[in-house]
Amino acid sequence: MTITDTPTRAATAASRRRRISFWRRHGAAYILAGPFYVLFLLMLVVPLGYAGYLSAFTDPLVGGVEFVGFGNFIRALTDPLFIGGVGRMFWFLVIQVPIMLALSLFCALALDSGRLRFPRFARLMIFVPYAVPGVVAALMWGYLYGPEFGPLAQVSNFFDAPVIPFLSGDLMLYSIMNIVTWGYVGYNMIVMYSALTAIPGELYEAAQMDGASQWRIAWSIKIPSIRPAILITVIFSVIGTFQLFNEPNLLRTIAPNVIGSSYTPNLYAYDLAFVSQDVNYAAAVAFLLGIVTMAISAFTQLRSRRNPKEAAE
């Protein structure tokens, strides 16, 4: 054995000991997280990669598959059906999401105040609509909205009052807003209420000793303390808005002249892929929809990261 072999063996042994020590400390974490990464790869990364591959081609009736690069994306950006659907969902986002989250916050604050009778029952009743499957909720509300057979129309006819056309072109979007709000107020309320229960009680006691009312405590302590939870609900609501599919897809069987195949971008992508068999263009539309959703979510996060001076103002 030469003199140079000794440092080499020592370095190899030290490296082996470090690897063994690393796996002893972190091996269990990697093993437990492994299934998640496998599913993440198979269910998200691979489908996204394949969709990106499809979006770069076109398959016309004559000539076979052709490489078009960003041609499908350029086509989508100039497609009035896609642009109209995105604009409609943006209007949905501006109106429905603030109303839904305001109701959720109000319910969470009411439950946290401790002044409600039977708070567990109230919490359950608020959350129950979220437990109803989205398809069932859309069918139920479609029945309620029915201009001829619906209970609301029958009550209006009984009192000789005009029947409100919930399924008309002017009110359809707002009718869908009502369905989504009814279903998701309870979910967002649970997120906010869970965050409220984590606030230390000493803050409330100090505020009460200073003479703060319940409304002042809610505005100055509770709401600022749960801003991360509110931000999460906002981001989830943005994503859910641009993924809107079940409600318009089911209601268009009742009002086909009002809801078309491009009423929402998600519905448009579905129709392109499974009805028109244009999977390449559908992949590009889906990609652009994801980009729009990520851009609005990122903007929301950036707007929430205000410095202390702005927050105080």
Protein backbone atom coordinates (compact mmCIF):
# COMPACT_ATOMS: atom_id res chain seq x y z
CA MET A 1 0.00 0.00 0.00
CA THR A 2 1.36 3.37 -1.01
CA ILE A 3 1.25 6.52 1.02
CA THR A 4 -1.23 8.13 -1.40
CA ASP A 5 -3.74 5.30 -0.88
CA THR A 6 -4.31 6.22 2.75
CA PRO A 7 -5.88 9.68 2.19
CA THR A 8 -7.97 8.27 -0.66
CA ARG A 9 -9.39 5.48 1.51
CA ALA A 10 -9.99 7.90 4.36
CA ALA A 11 -11.89 10.27 2.05
CA THR A 12 -13.96 7.39 0.67
CA ALA A 13 -14.79 6.15 4.17
CA ALA A 14 -15.76 9.67 5.28
CA SER A 15 -17.98 10.09 2.22
CA ARG A 16 -19.66 6.74 2.95
CA ARG A 17 -20.27 7.74 6.55
CA ARG A 18 -21.83 11.03 5.43
CA ARG A 19 -24.17 9.22 3.04
CA ILE A 20 -25.19 6.74 5.72
CA SER A 21 -25.76 9.54 8.21
CA PHE A 22 -27.79 11.50 5.63
CA TRP A 23 -30.08 8.56 4.86
CA ARG A 24 -30.52 7.79 8.55
CA ARG A 25 -31.72 11.33 9.16
CA HIS A 26 -33.68 11.99 5.96
CA GLY A 27 -34.37 8.59 4.43
CA ALA A 28 -37.79 8.19 6.03
CA ALA A 29 -38.88 11.60 4.71
CA TYR A 30 -37.87 10.72 1.15
CA ILE A 31 -39.62 7.34 1.36
CA LEU A 32 -42.83 8.89 2.68
CA ALA A 33 -42.78 11.71 0.12
CA GLY A 34 -41.89 9.37 -2.74
CA PRO A 35 -45.49 8.37 -3.65
CA PHE A 36 -46.46 12.05 -3.91
CA TYR A 37 -43.63 12.82 -6.31
CA VAL A 38 -44.47 9.77 -8.42
CA LEU A 39 -48.13 10.80 -8.67
CA PHE A 40 -47.13 14.42 -9.28
CA LEU A 41 -44.91 13.30 -12.15
CA LEU A 42 -47.45 10.93 -13.70
CA MET A 43 -50.60 13.00 -13.17
CA LEU A 44 -49.30 16.53 -13.79
CA VAL A 45 -45.87 16.81 -15.35
CA VAL A 46 -46.29 14.09 -17.98
CA PRO A 47 -49.80 15.23 -19.07
CA LEU A 48 -48.60 18.84 -19.27
CA GLY A 49 -45.63 17.80 -21.37
CA TYR A 50 -47.84 15.77 -23.69
CA ALA A 51 -50.33 18.62 -24.00
CA GLY A 52 -47.49 20.98 -24.85
CA TYR A 53 -46.33 18.54 -27.51
CA LEU A 54 -49.83 18.31 -29.02
CA SER A 55 -50.23 22.10 -29.07
CA ALA A 56 -47.27 22.42 -31.44
CA PHE A 57 -48.98 20.40 -34.19
CA THR A 58 -52.14 20.46 -36.24
CA ASP A 59 -54.00 17.60 -37.88
CA PRO A 60 -56.02 18.86 -40.87
CA LEU A 61 -58.34 16.62 -42.83
CA VAL A 62 -55.91 16.58 -45.76
CA GLY A 63 -52.14 16.43 -45.59
CA GLY A 64 -51.55 14.69 -42.27
CA VAL A 65 -50.02 16.05 -39.07
CA GLU A 66 -48.09 19.31 -39.48
CA PHE A 67 -45.77 21.14 -37.12
CA VAL A 68 -47.04 24.69 -36.53
CA GLY A 69 -45.01 25.77 -33.50
CA PHE A 70 -46.93 28.59 -31.80
CA GLY A 71 -49.55 28.69 -34.54
CA ASN A 72 -52.29 27.25 -32.34
CA PHE A 73 -51.53 29.79 -29.61
CA ILE A 74 -51.70 32.66 -32.09
CA ARG A 75 -54.99 31.28 -33.37
CA ALA A 76 -56.38 31.15 -29.82
CA LEU A 77 -55.33 34.73 -29.08
CA THR A 78 -57.33 35.89 -32.10
CA ASP A 79 -60.26 33.53 -31.53
CA PRO A 80 -63.35 35.59 -30.53
CA LEU A 81 -64.95 32.53 -28.90
CA PHE A 82 -61.99 31.96 -26.58
CA ILE A 83 -61.53 35.67 -25.85
CA GLY A 84 -65.26 36.02 -25.13
CA GLY A 85 -65.19 33.08 -22.71
CA VAL A 86 -62.17 34.50 -20.85
CA GLY A 87 -63.85 37.89 -20.60
CA ARG A 88 -67.02 36.31 -19.28
CA MET A 89 -65.06 34.46 -16.59
CA PHE A 90 -63.18 37.63 -15.69
CA TRP A 91 -66.53 39.34 -15.09
CA PHE A 92 -67.57 36.30 -13.06
CA LEU A 93 -64.39 36.66 -11.00
CA VAL A 94 -64.90 40.37 -10.34
CA ILE A 95 -68.48 39.95 -9.09
CA GLN A 96 -68.88 36.47 -7.64
CA VAL A 97 -65.59 35.96 -5.77
CA PRO A 98 -65.78 39.09 -3.58
CA ILE A 99 -69.40 38.34 -2.64
CA MET A 100 -68.65 34.71 -1.83
CA LEU A 101 -65.56 35.48 0.25
CA ALA A 102 -67.30 38.32 2.08
CA LEU A 103 -70.11 35.95 3.07
CA SER A 104 -67.56 33.31 4.11
CA LEU A 105 -65.67 35.82 6.24
CA PHE A 106 -68.87 37.06 7.85
CA CYS A 107 -69.92 33.50 8.74
CA ALA A 108 -66.45 32.69 10.11
CA LEU A 109 -66.40 35.82 12.27
CA ALA A 110 -69.92 35.12 13.52
CA LEU A 111 -68.98 31.58 14.53
CA ASP A 112 -65.75 32.75 16.17
CA SER A 113 -67.52 35.45 18.16
CA GLY A 114 -69.04 32.81 20.43
CA ARG A 115 -72.39 34.57 20.49
CA LEU A 116 -74.26 32.18 18.19
CA ARG A 117 -76.57 29.61 19.69
CA PHE A 118 -75.85 26.05 18.61
CA PRO A 119 -72.58 26.97 16.85
CA ARG A 120 -71.81 23.38 15.81
CA PHE A 121 -75.17 23.05 14.11
CA ALA A 122 -74.73 26.43 12.41
CA ARG A 123 -71.25 25.46 11.20
CA LEU A 124 -72.59 22.20 9.81
CA MET A 125 -75.49 23.88 8.02
CA ILE A 126 -73.18 26.40 6.37
CA PHE A 127 -70.80 23.66 5.26
CA VAL A 128 -73.43 21.17 4.03
CA PRO A 129 -73.87 22.74 0.54
CA TYR A 130 -70.19 22.11 -0.18
CA ALA A 131 -70.74 18.41 0.58
CA VAL A 132 -73.33 18.25 -2.20
CA PRO A 133 -71.63 17.13 -5.45
CA GLY A 134 -71.35 19.90 -8.02
CA VAL A 135 -73.37 17.97 -10.59
CA VAL A 136 -76.22 17.42 -8.13
CA ALA A 137 -76.17 21.07 -7.10
CA ALA A 138 -76.35 22.24 -10.73
CA LEU A 139 -79.25 19.90 -11.46
CA MET A 140 -81.06 21.00 -8.30
CA TRP A 141 -80.70 24.70 -9.08
CA GLY A 142 -81.60 24.08 -12.71
CA TYR A 143 -84.87 22.62 -11.49
CA LEU A 144 -85.45 25.61 -9.20
CA TYR A 145 -84.69 28.03 -12.05
CA GLY A 146 -87.06 26.31 -14.50
CA PRO A 147 -89.40 28.89 -16.07
CA GLU A 148 -92.31 26.43 -16.36
CA PHE A 149 -91.78 23.57 -13.93
CA GLY A 150 -89.61 25.23 -11.30
CA PRO A 151 -90.95 26.03 -7.81
CA LEU A 152 -89.90 29.68 -8.11
CA ALA A 153 -91.91 30.08 -11.30
CA GLN A 154 -94.90 28.32 -9.75
CA VAL A 155 -94.83 30.65 -6.73
CA SER A 156 -94.69 33.66 -9.06
CA ASN A 157 -97.63 32.35 -11.06
CA PHE A 158 -99.60 31.73 -7.86
CA PHE A 159 -99.26 35.38 -6.87
CA ASP A 160 -99.72 36.59 -10.48
CA ALA A 161 -96.22 38.05 -10.38
CA PRO A 162 -93.88 38.10 -13.39
CA VAL A 163 -91.63 35.06 -13.62
CA ILE A 164 -87.98 35.98 -13.28
CA PRO A 165 -86.10 34.53 -16.29
CA PHE A 166 -83.17 33.06 -14.39
CA LEU A 167 -82.09 31.05 -17.46
CA SER A 168 -82.22 33.94 -19.93
CA GLY A 169 -79.17 35.41 -21.61
CA ASP A 170 -79.17 38.44 -19.32
CA LEU A 171 -79.35 36.51 -16.05
CA MET A 172 -77.70 33.16 -16.81
CA LEU A 173 -74.23 34.19 -15.66
CA TYR A 174 -75.63 35.57 -12.41
CA SER A 175 -77.64 32.39 -11.88
CA ILE A 176 -74.42 30.39 -12.17
CA MET A 177 -72.78 32.79 -9.74
CA ASN A 178 -75.51 32.01 -7.24
CA ILE A 179 -74.95 28.25 -7.61
CA VAL A 180 -71.19 28.55 -7.08
CA THR A 181 -71.61 30.93 -4.15
CA TRP A 182 -74.15 28.60 -2.50
CA GLY A 183 -71.78 25.67 -2.84
CA TYR A 184 -68.47 27.21 -1.78
CA VAL A 185 -69.28 29.66 1.02
CA GLY A 186 -69.05 26.81 3.52
CA TYR A 187 -65.68 25.59 2.27
CA ASN A 188 -64.08 29.04 2.45
CA MET A 189 -65.73 29.64 5.83
CA ILE A 190 -64.02 26.53 7.24
CA VAL A 191 -60.61 27.73 6.00
CA MET A 192 -61.07 31.16 7.58
CA TYR A 193 -62.63 29.82 10.79
CA SER A 194 -59.72 27.40 11.27
CA ALA A 195 -57.31 30.32 10.99
CA LEU A 196 -59.35 32.34 13.49
CA THR A 197 -59.17 29.59 16.10
CA ALA A 198 -55.36 29.77 15.97
CA ILE A 199 -55.21 33.42 17.08
CA PRO A 200 -53.98 33.72 20.70
CA GLY A 201 -56.74 34.70 23.11
CA GLU A 202 -54.41 37.15 24.85
CA LEU A 203 -54.81 39.57 21.94
CA TYR A 204 -58.57 39.70 22.49
CA GLU A 205 -58.18 40.18 26.24
CA ALA A 206 -55.74 43.06 25.74
CA ALA A 207 -58.06 44.72 23.20
CA GLN A 208 -61.07 44.37 25.51
CA MET A 209 -59.12 45.91 28.38
CA ASP A 210 -58.44 48.89 26.10
CA GLY A 211 -62.17 49.21 25.45
CA ALA A 212 -62.30 47.79 21.94
CA SER A 213 -65.69 46.62 20.72
CA GLN A 214 -66.29 43.30 18.97
CA TRP A 215 -66.40 45.02 15.58
CA ARG A 216 -63.10 46.79 16.33
CA ILE A 217 -61.49 43.51 17.40
CA ALA A 218 -62.72 41.82 14.24
CA TRP A 219 -61.46 44.62 11.98
CA SER A 220 -58.14 45.36 13.68
CA ILE A 221 -57.09 41.94 15.01
CA LYS A 222 -58.98 39.04 13.48
CA ILE A 223 -59.03 39.99 9.80
CA PRO A 224 -55.36 41.10 9.64
CA SER A 225 -54.31 37.94 11.49
CA ILE A 226 -55.95 35.62 8.96
CA ARG A 227 -54.75 37.39 5.81
CA PRO A 228 -52.79 34.30 4.67
CA ALA A 229 -55.94 32.18 4.93
CA ILE A 230 -57.95 34.80 3.02
CA LEU A 231 -55.24 34.87 0.35
CA ILE A 232 -55.47 31.10 -0.04
CA THR A 233 -59.23 31.30 -0.54
CA VAL A 234 -58.77 34.06 -3.11
CA ILE A 235 -56.25 32.04 -5.11
CA PHE A 236 -58.40 28.90 -4.97
CA SER A 237 -61.39 30.96 -6.10
CA VAL A 238 -59.44 32.40 -9.05
CA ILE A 239 -58.43 28.91 -10.14
CA GLY A 240 -61.96 27.59 -9.68
CA THR A 241 -63.44 30.45 -11.69
CA PHE A 242 -61.44 29.69 -14.81
CA GLN A 243 -62.07 25.97 -14.37
CA LEU A 244 -65.85 26.47 -14.33
CA PHE A 245 -67.37 23.55 -16.23
CA ASN A 246 -70.07 21.50 -14.46
CA GLU A 247 -72.64 24.24 -13.98
CA PRO A 248 -72.71 25.64 -17.55
CA ASN A 249 -72.35 22.18 -19.07
CA LEU A 250 -75.46 20.92 -17.25
CA LEU A 251 -77.52 24.09 -17.57
CA ARG A 252 -77.03 24.24 -21.33
CA THR A 253 -79.25 21.16 -21.63
CA ILE A 254 -82.04 23.35 -20.21
CA ALA A 255 -81.07 26.55 -22.05
CA PRO A 256 -79.11 25.52 -25.17
CA ASN A 257 -79.81 28.83 -26.88
CA VAL A 258 -78.14 30.75 -24.04
CA ILE A 259 -75.11 28.58 -23.18
CA GLY A 260 -73.04 27.63 -26.18
CA SER A 261 -69.96 25.44 -26.47
CA SER A 262 -67.68 28.41 -25.73
CA TYR A 263 -69.56 29.87 -22.75
CA THR A 264 -66.51 29.23 -20.55
CA PRO A 265 -62.93 28.57 -21.69
CA ASN A 266 -62.89 25.17 -19.99
CA LEU A 267 -66.12 24.18 -21.72
CA TYR A 268 -64.67 25.42 -25.02
CA ALA A 269 -61.54 23.28 -24.64
CA TYR A 270 -63.69 20.25 -23.80
CA ASP A 271 -65.87 20.80 -26.86
CA LEU A 272 -62.85 21.22 -29.11
CA ALA A 273 -61.22 18.01 -27.87
CA PHE A 274 -64.17 15.63 -27.56
CA VAL A 275 -66.78 17.00 -29.96
CA SER A 276 -64.80 18.69 -32.74
CA GLN A 277 -61.88 16.25 -32.33
CA ASP A 278 -59.38 19.12 -32.58
CA VAL A 279 -57.13 17.99 -29.73
CA ASN A 280 -54.17 20.07 -30.87
CA TYR A 281 -56.02 23.36 -30.73
CA ALA A 282 -57.74 22.26 -27.49
CA ALA A 283 -54.33 21.70 -25.91
CA ALA A 284 -53.26 25.22 -26.88
CA VAL A 285 -56.48 26.68 -25.46
CA ALA A 286 -55.96 24.76 -22.21
CA PHE A 287 -52.37 25.99 -21.96
CA LEU A 288 -53.39 29.61 -22.48
CA LEU A 289 -56.15 29.19 -19.90
CA GLY A 290 -53.57 27.92 -17.42
CA ILE A 291 -51.31 30.88 -18.17
CA VAL A 292 -54.17 33.34 -17.59
CA THR A 293 -55.03 31.63 -14.30
CA MET A 294 -51.40 31.68 -13.11
CA ALA A 295 -51.00 35.34 -14.10
CA ILE A 296 -54.07 36.45 -12.12
CA SER A 297 -53.05 34.29 -9.13
CA ALA A 298 -49.52 35.73 -9.20
CA PHE A 299 -50.92 39.26 -9.42
CA THR A 300 -53.12 38.55 -6.40
CA GLN A 301 -50.13 37.32 -4.40
CA LEU A 302 -48.01 40.31 -5.34
CA ARG A 303 -50.79 42.71 -4.37
CA SER A 304 -51.08 41.02 -0.97
CA ARG A 305 -47.39 41.51 -0.17
CA ARG A 306 -47.68 45.08 0.97
CA ASN A 307 -45.13 46.66 3.27
CA PRO A 308 -46.11 47.56 6.85
CA LYS A 309 -46.61 51.24 6.03
CA GLU A 310 -49.14 50.48 3.29
CA ALA A 311 -50.90 47.97 5.54
CA ALA A 312 -51.17 50.57 8.29
CA GLU A 313 -52.64 53.09 5.87
